[in-house]
Structure formats: C-alpha cells, structure tokens
Amino acid sequence: MRLFVAVWPPPEIVERLAGLPRPEHPRVRWTTPDQWHVTLVFLGEQPAERTDELADVLRRVAAGLDGPPEARLGPATELLSRSVLSVPVAGLDPPAAATAAAMTPPDPRRPPFRGHLTLARARGRDRLDRRLAGTPVEGSWLVRELCLVSSTPGPGGSRYATVFSAATADAG
C-alpha cells in the first residue's frame, strides 16, 4: 500500500482553488479537487498490516503539536519544477518535521520540506509553460487533523483515500 501523511484543505479553500483559470492545453494534466492536498511526509510502499502502527504514531504526533497549525496558501501559483504547477503553503513545517522524525529514518539526502498543493503536471516529459505561474491566490485555515492517506496510481492521476485521521491538539 502506497502511503503518505497529508493535510486536506477545507471546502472554502477548495472553492477558491477551483475558481483559478485552467486553460486547456494538450501537454497539461490538471489535478482535480479530490486530489488537492499538502503532503507532509511520503512513506512509500508499506505493508497493510503496518497501518495500525502508523496510525498510532500519527495520533501521538498530532496530539503533541502546540495547537492546530495555520496553513497559509499563496500568494500566487508557481512552478515547483519544470513539470509541476503548485501553490505554496506555509506554516506546516512543524507538523511535517514531527511526522518525518516519528515515521521515517533520518536521511541527509531527503530534500527539505516545501509545503505546496499541486494544481497541474506536465504530461510525459513535457515542460509547463511559465505563463501558467503567477496567478494570485491566498487563504489560510487551521489544520484540525493530520491524515494517513493511500495513493493508487491511475490514468487520470493518482486517487487518494484517507486511511486514518488524527485530530491536532487544541490550542490551550
């Protein structure tokens, strides 16, 4: 089972993202609202019997946060790489670091966390047009849960399902 830990945006943020221009282009595959998330940690292939253990770890991480983190979207779309259009999401470094420390072995080669929500990918080896970037979009939300998510690749992009969600600690 292919797993990752993610944060899902609330309906008002999804609605804001859905209102962004999505020009038709044969080399662009736009992601859909049910695919919009911020990955905190990618876990890769995991045996199904490990999900209970990962859920327990995620529950402890979420409970150990200093209140619900605030995710801040924007200020504009950007090219994350030559083939990925995204919106930056700030404010999730603490839960990403805590989750990575609790669930994955240390790896100095792991790139630093860069919070983002993917809006489009280039098809095949194509490069996205730079003019797709720069569309203003902003918003914020309190993250009330961290989710263990399964990913199933498919022809229209991966399909995601929440396997377990852990409530974040209340600010107190």
N, C-alpha and C. Protein backbone atom coordinates (compact mmCIF):
# COMPACT_ATOMS: atom_id res chain seq x y z
N MET A 1 0.86 -1.17 0.00
CA MET A 1 0.00 0.00 0.00
C MET A 1 0.91 1.24 0.00
N ARG A 2 0.66 2.14 -0.93
CA ARG A 2 1.46 3.37 -1.04
C ARG A 2 0.83 4.43 -0.14
N LEU A 3 1.61 4.94 0.83
CA LEU A 3 1.06 5.84 1.84
C LEU A 3 1.84 7.14 1.96
N PHE A 4 1.13 8.16 2.43
CA PHE A 4 1.77 9.43 2.80
C PHE A 4 0.92 10.09 3.87
N VAL A 5 1.50 11.07 4.56
CA VAL A 5 0.77 11.85 5.56
C VAL A 5 0.49 13.20 4.94
N ALA A 6 -0.77 13.64 5.03
CA ALA A 6 -1.18 14.87 4.35
C ALA A 6 -2.15 15.69 5.17
N VAL A 7 -2.37 16.89 4.68
CA VAL A 7 -3.36 17.82 5.19
C VAL A 7 -4.29 18.13 4.01
N TRP A 8 -5.58 18.03 4.25
CA TRP A 8 -6.58 18.36 3.22
C TRP A 8 -7.06 19.79 3.44
N PRO A 9 -7.20 20.59 2.38
CA PRO A 9 -7.75 21.93 2.55
C PRO A 9 -9.26 21.87 2.80
N PRO A 10 -9.79 22.84 3.53
CA PRO A 10 -11.24 22.85 3.78
C PRO A 10 -12.01 23.31 2.54
N PRO A 11 -13.34 23.11 2.53
CA PRO A 11 -14.15 23.44 1.35
C PRO A 11 -13.98 24.87 0.83
N GLU A 12 -13.83 25.85 1.70
CA GLU A 12 -13.69 27.23 1.21
C GLU A 12 -12.38 27.44 0.45
N ILE A 13 -11.33 26.73 0.82
CA ILE A 13 -10.06 26.81 0.09
C ILE A 13 -10.18 26.04 -1.23
N VAL A 14 -10.82 24.89 -1.19
CA VAL A 14 -11.04 24.12 -2.42
C VAL A 14 -11.83 24.96 -3.42
N GLU A 15 -12.84 25.65 -2.94
CA GLU A 15 -13.66 26.51 -3.82
C GLU A 15 -12.81 27.62 -4.43
N ARG A 16 -11.94 28.21 -3.63
CA ARG A 16 -11.06 29.27 -4.13
C ARG A 16 -10.12 28.72 -5.22
N LEU A 17 -9.56 27.54 -4.97
CA LEU A 17 -8.67 26.93 -5.95
C LEU A 17 -9.42 26.54 -7.22
N ALA A 18 -10.64 26.06 -7.06
CA ALA A 18 -11.45 25.66 -8.22
C ALA A 18 -11.77 26.85 -9.12
N GLY A 19 -11.73 28.05 -8.56
CA GLY A 19 -12.01 29.25 -9.35
C GLY A 19 -10.82 29.76 -10.15
N LEU A 20 -9.65 29.14 -9.98
CA LEU A 20 -8.47 29.57 -10.74
C LEU A 20 -8.61 29.17 -12.20
N PRO A 21 -8.01 29.96 -13.11
CA PRO A 21 -8.07 29.58 -14.53
C PRO A 21 -7.34 28.25 -14.77
N ARG A 22 -7.92 27.45 -15.64
CA ARG A 22 -7.36 26.14 -16.01
C ARG A 22 -7.43 26.01 -17.53
N PRO A 23 -6.56 26.75 -18.22
CA PRO A 23 -6.65 26.72 -19.69
C PRO A 23 -6.39 25.34 -20.26
N GLU A 24 -7.16 24.99 -21.27
CA GLU A 24 -6.97 23.70 -21.96
C GLU A 24 -5.63 23.72 -22.68
N HIS A 25 -4.89 22.66 -22.50
CA HIS A 25 -3.61 22.52 -23.17
C HIS A 25 -3.30 21.04 -23.27
N PRO A 26 -2.90 20.55 -24.45
CA PRO A 26 -2.68 19.11 -24.60
C PRO A 26 -1.55 18.56 -23.75
N ARG A 27 -0.62 19.42 -23.32
CA ARG A 27 0.52 18.93 -22.53
C ARG A 27 0.33 19.12 -21.03
N VAL A 28 -0.87 19.56 -20.60
CA VAL A 28 -1.11 19.83 -19.18
C VAL A 28 -2.20 18.91 -18.66
N ARG A 29 -1.93 18.25 -17.53
CA ARG A 29 -2.95 17.47 -16.83
C ARG A 29 -3.27 18.20 -15.53
N TRP A 30 -4.45 18.77 -15.46
CA TRP A 30 -4.88 19.49 -14.27
C TRP A 30 -5.32 18.50 -13.21
N THR A 31 -4.92 18.74 -11.98
CA THR A 31 -5.40 17.90 -10.89
C THR A 31 -6.83 18.31 -10.55
N THR A 32 -7.52 17.43 -9.87
CA THR A 32 -8.93 17.66 -9.53
C THR A 32 -9.06 17.96 -8.03
N PRO A 33 -10.15 18.59 -7.63
CA PRO A 33 -10.31 18.94 -6.22
C PRO A 33 -10.12 17.77 -5.25
N ASP A 34 -10.51 16.56 -5.64
CA ASP A 34 -10.34 15.42 -4.73
C ASP A 34 -8.87 15.00 -4.61
N GLN A 35 -7.99 15.58 -5.43
CA GLN A 35 -6.56 15.30 -5.35
C GLN A 35 -5.80 16.39 -4.59
N TRP A 36 -6.43 17.49 -4.27
CA TRP A 36 -5.73 18.63 -3.66
C TRP A 36 -5.44 18.37 -2.19
N HIS A 37 -4.16 18.34 -1.87
CA HIS A 37 -3.70 18.11 -0.51
C HIS A 37 -2.29 18.68 -0.37
N VAL A 38 -1.81 18.75 0.85
CA VAL A 38 -0.42 19.11 1.12
C VAL A 38 0.23 17.89 1.74
N THR A 39 1.22 17.32 1.08
CA THR A 39 1.94 16.16 1.62
C THR A 39 2.93 16.63 2.67
N LEU A 40 2.83 16.07 3.87
CA LEU A 40 3.80 16.36 4.93
C LEU A 40 4.98 15.41 4.85
N VAL A 41 4.69 14.13 4.65
CA VAL A 41 5.73 13.10 4.56
C VAL A 41 5.25 11.99 3.63
N PHE A 42 6.09 11.62 2.67
CA PHE A 42 5.79 10.49 1.80
C PHE A 42 6.41 9.25 2.43
N LEU A 43 5.62 8.22 2.61
CA LEU A 43 6.09 6.99 3.25
C LEU A 43 6.38 5.88 2.26
N GLY A 44 5.85 5.98 1.05
CA GLY A 44 6.08 4.97 0.03
C GLY A 44 5.30 3.69 0.30
N GLU A 45 5.75 2.61 -0.31
CA GLU A 45 5.08 1.31 -0.16
C GLU A 45 5.23 0.81 1.28
N GLN A 46 4.10 0.46 1.87
CA GLN A 46 4.07 -0.06 3.24
C GLN A 46 3.16 -1.28 3.28
N PRO A 47 3.52 -2.27 4.09
CA PRO A 47 2.60 -3.41 4.22
C PRO A 47 1.31 -2.96 4.91
N ALA A 48 0.19 -3.51 4.47
CA ALA A 48 -1.12 -3.13 5.03
C ALA A 48 -1.16 -3.34 6.54
N GLU A 49 -0.47 -4.36 7.03
CA GLU A 49 -0.50 -4.62 8.47
C GLU A 49 0.24 -3.55 9.28
N ARG A 50 0.94 -2.64 8.62
CA ARG A 50 1.65 -1.58 9.34
C ARG A 50 0.77 -0.35 9.57
N THR A 51 -0.42 -0.31 8.99
CA THR A 51 -1.25 0.90 9.11
C THR A 51 -1.66 1.20 10.54
N ASP A 52 -1.91 0.18 11.36
CA ASP A 52 -2.27 0.44 12.77
C ASP A 52 -1.12 1.11 13.51
N GLU A 53 0.09 0.62 13.28
CA GLU A 53 1.27 1.22 13.91
C GLU A 53 1.44 2.68 13.45
N LEU A 54 1.32 2.92 12.15
CA LEU A 54 1.46 4.29 11.62
C LEU A 54 0.35 5.19 12.16
N ALA A 55 -0.86 4.67 12.29
CA ALA A 55 -1.95 5.45 12.85
C ALA A 55 -1.66 5.85 14.30
N ASP A 56 -1.11 4.94 15.09
CA ASP A 56 -0.74 5.26 16.48
C ASP A 56 0.32 6.35 16.53
N VAL A 57 1.32 6.24 15.66
CA VAL A 57 2.37 7.26 15.62
C VAL A 57 1.78 8.60 15.21
N LEU A 58 0.92 8.61 14.20
CA LEU A 58 0.32 9.85 13.74
C LEU A 58 -0.55 10.48 14.84
N ARG A 59 -1.26 9.66 15.58
CA ARG A 59 -2.08 10.16 16.69
C ARG A 59 -1.19 10.88 17.72
N ARG A 60 -0.03 10.29 18.04
CA ARG A 60 0.89 10.91 19.01
C ARG A 60 1.47 12.22 18.46
N VAL A 61 1.82 12.22 17.18
CA VAL A 61 2.37 13.44 16.57
C VAL A 61 1.33 14.56 16.62
N ALA A 62 0.11 14.27 16.20
CA ALA A 62 -0.95 15.29 16.17
C ALA A 62 -1.25 15.82 17.58
N ALA A 63 -1.28 14.92 18.56
CA ALA A 63 -1.56 15.34 19.94
C ALA A 63 -0.42 16.17 20.52
N GLY A 64 0.79 15.95 20.02
CA GLY A 64 1.96 16.67 20.54
C GLY A 64 2.19 18.04 19.93
N LEU A 65 1.40 18.42 18.95
CA LEU A 65 1.57 19.75 18.35
C LEU A 65 1.11 20.83 19.31
N ASP A 66 1.70 21.99 19.19
CA ASP A 66 1.35 23.13 20.04
C ASP A 66 0.14 23.85 19.43
N GLY A 67 -1.01 23.21 19.51
CA GLY A 67 -2.22 23.76 18.91
C GLY A 67 -2.31 23.42 17.44
N PRO A 68 -3.46 23.67 16.83
CA PRO A 68 -3.60 23.38 15.40
C PRO A 68 -2.76 24.36 14.58
N PRO A 69 -1.92 23.86 13.67
CA PRO A 69 -1.12 24.76 12.84
C PRO A 69 -2.01 25.53 11.87
N GLU A 70 -1.55 26.72 11.49
CA GLU A 70 -2.26 27.50 10.49
C GLU A 70 -1.54 27.33 9.15
N ALA A 71 -2.26 26.79 8.17
CA ALA A 71 -1.73 26.65 6.81
C ALA A 71 -2.06 27.93 6.07
N ARG A 72 -1.04 28.51 5.41
CA ARG A 72 -1.21 29.75 4.67
C ARG A 72 -0.89 29.53 3.19
N LEU A 73 -1.91 29.65 2.38
CA LEU A 73 -1.84 29.40 0.94
C LEU A 73 -1.43 30.67 0.21
N GLY A 74 -0.53 30.54 -0.77
CA GLY A 74 -0.23 31.66 -1.65
C GLY A 74 1.14 32.26 -1.41
N PRO A 75 1.40 33.40 -1.98
CA PRO A 75 0.45 34.39 -2.51
C PRO A 75 0.04 34.18 -3.97
N ALA A 76 0.72 33.27 -4.68
CA ALA A 76 0.39 33.06 -6.09
C ALA A 76 0.87 31.68 -6.52
N THR A 77 0.33 31.21 -7.63
CA THR A 77 0.79 29.93 -8.18
C THR A 77 2.24 30.07 -8.63
N GLU A 78 2.95 28.93 -8.63
CA GLU A 78 4.36 28.94 -9.05
C GLU A 78 4.71 27.59 -9.64
N LEU A 79 5.79 27.58 -10.41
CA LEU A 79 6.31 26.31 -10.92
C LEU A 79 7.20 25.72 -9.83
N LEU A 80 6.79 24.59 -9.30
CA LEU A 80 7.58 23.89 -8.29
C LEU A 80 8.79 23.24 -8.96
N SER A 81 8.60 22.80 -10.17
CA SER A 81 9.66 22.26 -11.02
C SER A 81 9.25 22.57 -12.45
N ARG A 82 10.00 22.09 -13.41
CA ARG A 82 9.66 22.36 -14.80
C ARG A 82 8.35 21.70 -15.22
N SER A 83 7.89 20.72 -14.42
CA SER A 83 6.70 19.97 -14.82
C SER A 83 5.56 20.01 -13.80
N VAL A 84 5.68 20.84 -12.74
CA VAL A 84 4.63 20.89 -11.71
C VAL A 84 4.25 22.33 -11.41
N LEU A 85 2.95 22.64 -11.54
CA LEU A 85 2.40 23.93 -11.14
C LEU A 85 1.75 23.73 -9.78
N SER A 86 2.10 24.60 -8.83
CA SER A 86 1.57 24.44 -7.48
C SER A 86 1.27 25.80 -6.86
N VAL A 87 0.69 25.73 -5.67
CA VAL A 87 0.51 26.90 -4.82
C VAL A 87 1.32 26.62 -3.56
N PRO A 88 2.20 27.55 -3.16
CA PRO A 88 2.94 27.32 -1.92
C PRO A 88 1.99 27.35 -0.72
N VAL A 89 2.32 26.54 0.29
CA VAL A 89 1.56 26.51 1.53
C VAL A 89 2.57 26.59 2.67
N ALA A 90 2.52 27.69 3.41
CA ALA A 90 3.43 27.92 4.53
C ALA A 90 2.74 27.53 5.85
N GLY A 91 3.54 27.38 6.90
CA GLY A 91 3.00 27.14 8.23
C GLY A 91 2.94 25.69 8.65
N LEU A 92 3.33 24.78 7.76
CA LEU A 92 3.22 23.35 8.08
C LEU A 92 4.57 22.69 8.37
N ASP A 93 5.62 23.49 8.52
CA ASP A 93 6.94 22.92 8.83
C ASP A 93 6.94 22.13 10.14
N PRO A 94 6.33 22.64 11.24
CA PRO A 94 6.36 21.86 12.49
C PRO A 94 5.70 20.49 12.38
N PRO A 95 4.47 20.37 11.84
CA PRO A 95 3.91 19.02 11.75
C PRO A 95 4.66 18.14 10.75
N ALA A 96 5.20 18.73 9.69
CA ALA A 96 5.96 17.94 8.71
C ALA A 96 7.23 17.39 9.37
N ALA A 97 7.94 18.23 10.12
CA ALA A 97 9.17 17.79 10.79
C ALA A 97 8.88 16.73 11.85
N ALA A 98 7.83 16.95 12.64
CA ALA A 98 7.48 15.98 13.69
C ALA A 98 7.06 14.65 13.09
N THR A 99 6.31 14.69 12.01
CA THR A 99 5.86 13.46 11.36
C THR A 99 7.04 12.71 10.75
N ALA A 100 7.90 13.44 10.06
CA ALA A 100 9.08 12.80 9.45
C ALA A 100 9.96 12.17 10.53
N ALA A 101 10.19 12.88 11.63
CA ALA A 101 11.04 12.36 12.71
C ALA A 101 10.45 11.10 13.33
N ALA A 102 9.12 11.04 13.43
CA ALA A 102 8.47 9.91 14.08
C ALA A 102 8.25 8.71 13.16
N MET A 103 8.18 8.95 11.85
CA MET A 103 7.77 7.87 10.94
C MET A 103 8.84 7.40 9.96
N THR A 104 9.90 8.16 9.77
CA THR A 104 10.90 7.79 8.78
C THR A 104 12.30 7.85 9.38
N PRO A 105 13.19 7.00 8.92
CA PRO A 105 14.57 7.08 9.42
C PRO A 105 15.24 8.36 8.93
N PRO A 106 16.17 8.89 9.70
CA PRO A 106 16.88 10.09 9.24
C PRO A 106 17.57 9.83 7.90
N ASP A 107 17.51 10.80 7.02
CA ASP A 107 18.13 10.66 5.71
C ASP A 107 18.65 12.04 5.28
N PRO A 108 19.96 12.25 5.33
CA PRO A 108 20.51 13.56 4.98
C PRO A 108 20.26 13.94 3.51
N ARG A 109 19.90 12.95 2.69
CA ARG A 109 19.63 13.22 1.28
C ARG A 109 18.19 13.69 1.04
N ARG A 110 17.34 13.55 2.05
CA ARG A 110 15.94 13.96 1.89
C ARG A 110 15.88 15.47 1.71
N PRO A 111 15.21 15.93 0.66
CA PRO A 111 15.12 17.38 0.47
C PRO A 111 14.31 18.01 1.60
N PRO A 112 14.57 19.26 1.90
CA PRO A 112 13.79 19.92 2.96
C PRO A 112 12.32 20.01 2.57
N PHE A 113 11.47 20.01 3.57
CA PHE A 113 10.04 20.13 3.34
C PHE A 113 9.74 21.46 2.64
N ARG A 114 8.88 21.40 1.64
CA ARG A 114 8.43 22.59 0.92
C ARG A 114 6.93 22.45 0.72
N GLY A 115 6.16 23.05 1.62
CA GLY A 115 4.71 22.92 1.57
C GLY A 115 4.14 23.46 0.28
N HIS A 116 3.32 22.65 -0.38
CA HIS A 116 2.69 23.07 -1.63
C HIS A 116 1.49 22.19 -1.92
N LEU A 117 0.64 22.69 -2.77
CA LEU A 117 -0.53 21.98 -3.24
C LEU A 117 -0.43 21.94 -4.77
N THR A 118 -0.38 20.76 -5.35
CA THR A 118 -0.18 20.62 -6.79
C THR A 118 -1.49 20.87 -7.55
N LEU A 119 -1.40 21.77 -8.55
CA LEU A 119 -2.55 22.10 -9.38
C LEU A 119 -2.50 21.44 -10.76
N ALA A 120 -1.29 21.24 -11.29
CA ALA A 120 -1.17 20.67 -12.64
C ALA A 120 0.20 20.03 -12.79
N ARG A 121 0.25 19.08 -13.71
CA ARG A 121 1.50 18.40 -14.07
C ARG A 121 1.60 18.38 -15.59
N ALA A 122 2.83 18.44 -16.07
CA ALA A 122 3.06 18.29 -17.50
C ALA A 122 2.87 16.82 -17.86
N ARG A 123 2.38 16.57 -19.03
CA ARG A 123 2.23 15.19 -19.50
C ARG A 123 3.58 14.69 -20.01
N GLY A 124 3.89 13.45 -19.66
CA GLY A 124 5.13 12.85 -20.12
C GLY A 124 6.35 13.64 -19.69
N ARG A 125 7.23 13.89 -20.64
CA ARG A 125 8.47 14.62 -20.34
C ARG A 125 8.36 16.10 -20.70
N ASP A 126 7.15 16.56 -20.96
CA ASP A 126 6.97 17.95 -21.34
C ASP A 126 7.28 18.90 -20.20
N ARG A 127 7.46 20.14 -20.57
CA ARG A 127 7.72 21.23 -19.62
C ARG A 127 6.49 22.13 -19.61
N LEU A 128 6.10 22.60 -18.43
CA LEU A 128 4.96 23.51 -18.35
C LEU A 128 5.35 24.91 -18.82
N ASP A 129 4.41 25.60 -19.39
CA ASP A 129 4.59 26.98 -19.83
C ASP A 129 4.69 27.87 -18.59
N ARG A 130 5.73 28.67 -18.52
CA ARG A 130 5.94 29.57 -17.37
C ARG A 130 4.78 30.54 -17.17
N ARG A 131 4.02 30.81 -18.22
CA ARG A 131 2.91 31.76 -18.11
C ARG A 131 1.76 31.21 -17.25
N LEU A 132 1.79 29.91 -16.96
CA LEU A 132 0.76 29.35 -16.07
C LEU A 132 0.97 29.81 -14.62
N ALA A 133 2.20 30.17 -14.28
CA ALA A 133 2.52 30.59 -12.91
C ALA A 133 2.19 32.07 -12.71
N GLY A 134 2.03 32.46 -11.45
CA GLY A 134 1.84 33.86 -11.10
C GLY A 134 0.42 34.28 -10.86
N THR A 135 -0.53 33.35 -10.92
CA THR A 135 -1.93 33.70 -10.66
C THR A 135 -2.10 33.91 -9.15
N PRO A 136 -2.57 35.09 -8.74
CA PRO A 136 -2.74 35.33 -7.30
C PRO A 136 -3.80 34.41 -6.70
N VAL A 137 -3.48 33.86 -5.54
CA VAL A 137 -4.43 33.07 -4.76
C VAL A 137 -3.91 33.03 -3.33
N GLU A 138 -4.79 33.35 -2.39
CA GLU A 138 -4.39 33.36 -0.98
C GLU A 138 -5.52 32.79 -0.14
N GLY A 139 -5.17 32.36 1.05
CA GLY A 139 -6.13 31.86 2.01
C GLY A 139 -5.39 31.19 3.14
N SER A 140 -6.10 30.93 4.21
CA SER A 140 -5.50 30.22 5.33
C SER A 140 -6.56 29.41 6.05
N TRP A 141 -6.11 28.41 6.79
CA TRP A 141 -7.01 27.59 7.58
C TRP A 141 -6.25 26.96 8.72
N LEU A 142 -6.97 26.66 9.79
CA LEU A 142 -6.39 25.91 10.91
C LEU A 142 -6.49 24.43 10.58
N VAL A 143 -5.38 23.75 10.74
CA VAL A 143 -5.32 22.32 10.43
C VAL A 143 -5.82 21.56 11.66
N ARG A 144 -6.97 20.96 11.54
CA ARG A 144 -7.60 20.24 12.65
C ARG A 144 -7.28 18.76 12.66
N GLU A 145 -6.70 18.24 11.55
CA GLU A 145 -6.32 16.83 11.54
C GLU A 145 -5.19 16.57 10.56
N LEU A 146 -4.39 15.58 10.90
CA LEU A 146 -3.35 15.05 10.03
C LEU A 146 -3.87 13.70 9.53
N CYS A 147 -3.66 13.43 8.27
CA CYS A 147 -4.26 12.23 7.68
C CYS A 147 -3.22 11.29 7.09
N LEU A 148 -3.40 10.01 7.35
CA LEU A 148 -2.64 8.95 6.69
C LEU A 148 -3.45 8.61 5.45
N VAL A 149 -2.83 8.73 4.28
CA VAL A 149 -3.55 8.64 3.01
C VAL A 149 -2.93 7.57 2.14
N SER A 150 -3.78 6.78 1.47
CA SER A 150 -3.29 5.82 0.50
C SER A 150 -3.39 6.43 -0.89
N SER A 151 -2.47 6.03 -1.74
CA SER A 151 -2.40 6.55 -3.10
C SER A 151 -2.43 5.39 -4.08
N THR A 152 -3.37 5.46 -5.03
CA THR A 152 -3.48 4.45 -6.07
C THR A 152 -3.29 5.13 -7.42
N PRO A 153 -2.17 4.87 -8.11
CA PRO A 153 -1.94 5.50 -9.41
C PRO A 153 -2.99 5.07 -10.43
N GLY A 154 -3.32 6.00 -11.33
CA GLY A 154 -4.28 5.71 -12.38
C GLY A 154 -4.03 6.58 -13.58
N PRO A 155 -4.76 6.35 -14.68
CA PRO A 155 -4.53 7.10 -15.91
C PRO A 155 -4.79 8.61 -15.79
N GLY A 156 -5.71 9.02 -14.95
CA GLY A 156 -6.01 10.44 -14.77
C GLY A 156 -5.27 11.03 -13.59
N GLY A 157 -4.27 10.34 -13.11
CA GLY A 157 -3.56 10.77 -11.91
C GLY A 157 -3.92 9.85 -10.76
N SER A 158 -3.22 10.00 -9.67
CA SER A 158 -3.46 9.14 -8.51
C SER A 158 -4.79 9.45 -7.85
N ARG A 159 -5.37 8.42 -7.25
CA ARG A 159 -6.58 8.56 -6.44
C ARG A 159 -6.18 8.35 -4.99
N TYR A 160 -6.75 9.18 -4.12
CA TYR A 160 -6.36 9.18 -2.72
C TYR A 160 -7.54 8.81 -1.83
N ALA A 161 -7.22 8.12 -0.73
CA ALA A 161 -8.24 7.78 0.26
C ALA A 161 -7.62 7.91 1.65
N THR A 162 -8.32 8.58 2.54
CA THR A 162 -7.84 8.71 3.90
C THR A 162 -8.02 7.37 4.61
N VAL A 163 -6.93 6.84 5.13
CA VAL A 163 -6.92 5.57 5.85
C VAL A 163 -7.18 5.83 7.34
N PHE A 164 -6.63 6.94 7.84
CA PHE A 164 -6.76 7.30 9.25
C PHE A 164 -6.55 8.79 9.39
N SER A 165 -7.29 9.44 10.28
CA SER A 165 -7.05 10.85 10.57
C SER A 165 -6.89 11.03 12.07
N ALA A 166 -5.97 11.92 12.43
CA ALA A 166 -5.67 12.20 13.84
C ALA A 166 -5.91 13.68 14.11
N ALA A 167 -6.73 13.96 15.10
CA ALA A 167 -7.03 15.35 15.46
C ALA A 167 -5.80 16.01 16.05
N THR A 168 -5.57 17.26 15.64
CA THR A 168 -4.46 18.03 16.21
C THR A 168 -4.87 18.53 17.59
N ALA A 169 -3.86 18.82 18.39
CA ALA A 169 -4.11 19.30 19.76
C ALA A 169 -4.81 20.65 19.72
N ASP A 170 -5.72 20.86 20.65
CA ASP A 170 -6.38 22.16 20.76
C ASP A 170 -5.42 23.15 21.38
N ALA A 171 -5.48 24.39 20.88
CA ALA A 171 -4.68 25.46 21.50
C ALA A 171 -5.25 25.70 22.89
N GLY A 172 -4.37 25.84 23.83
CA GLY A 172 -4.97 25.92 25.11
C GLY A 172 -4.41 26.80 26.09
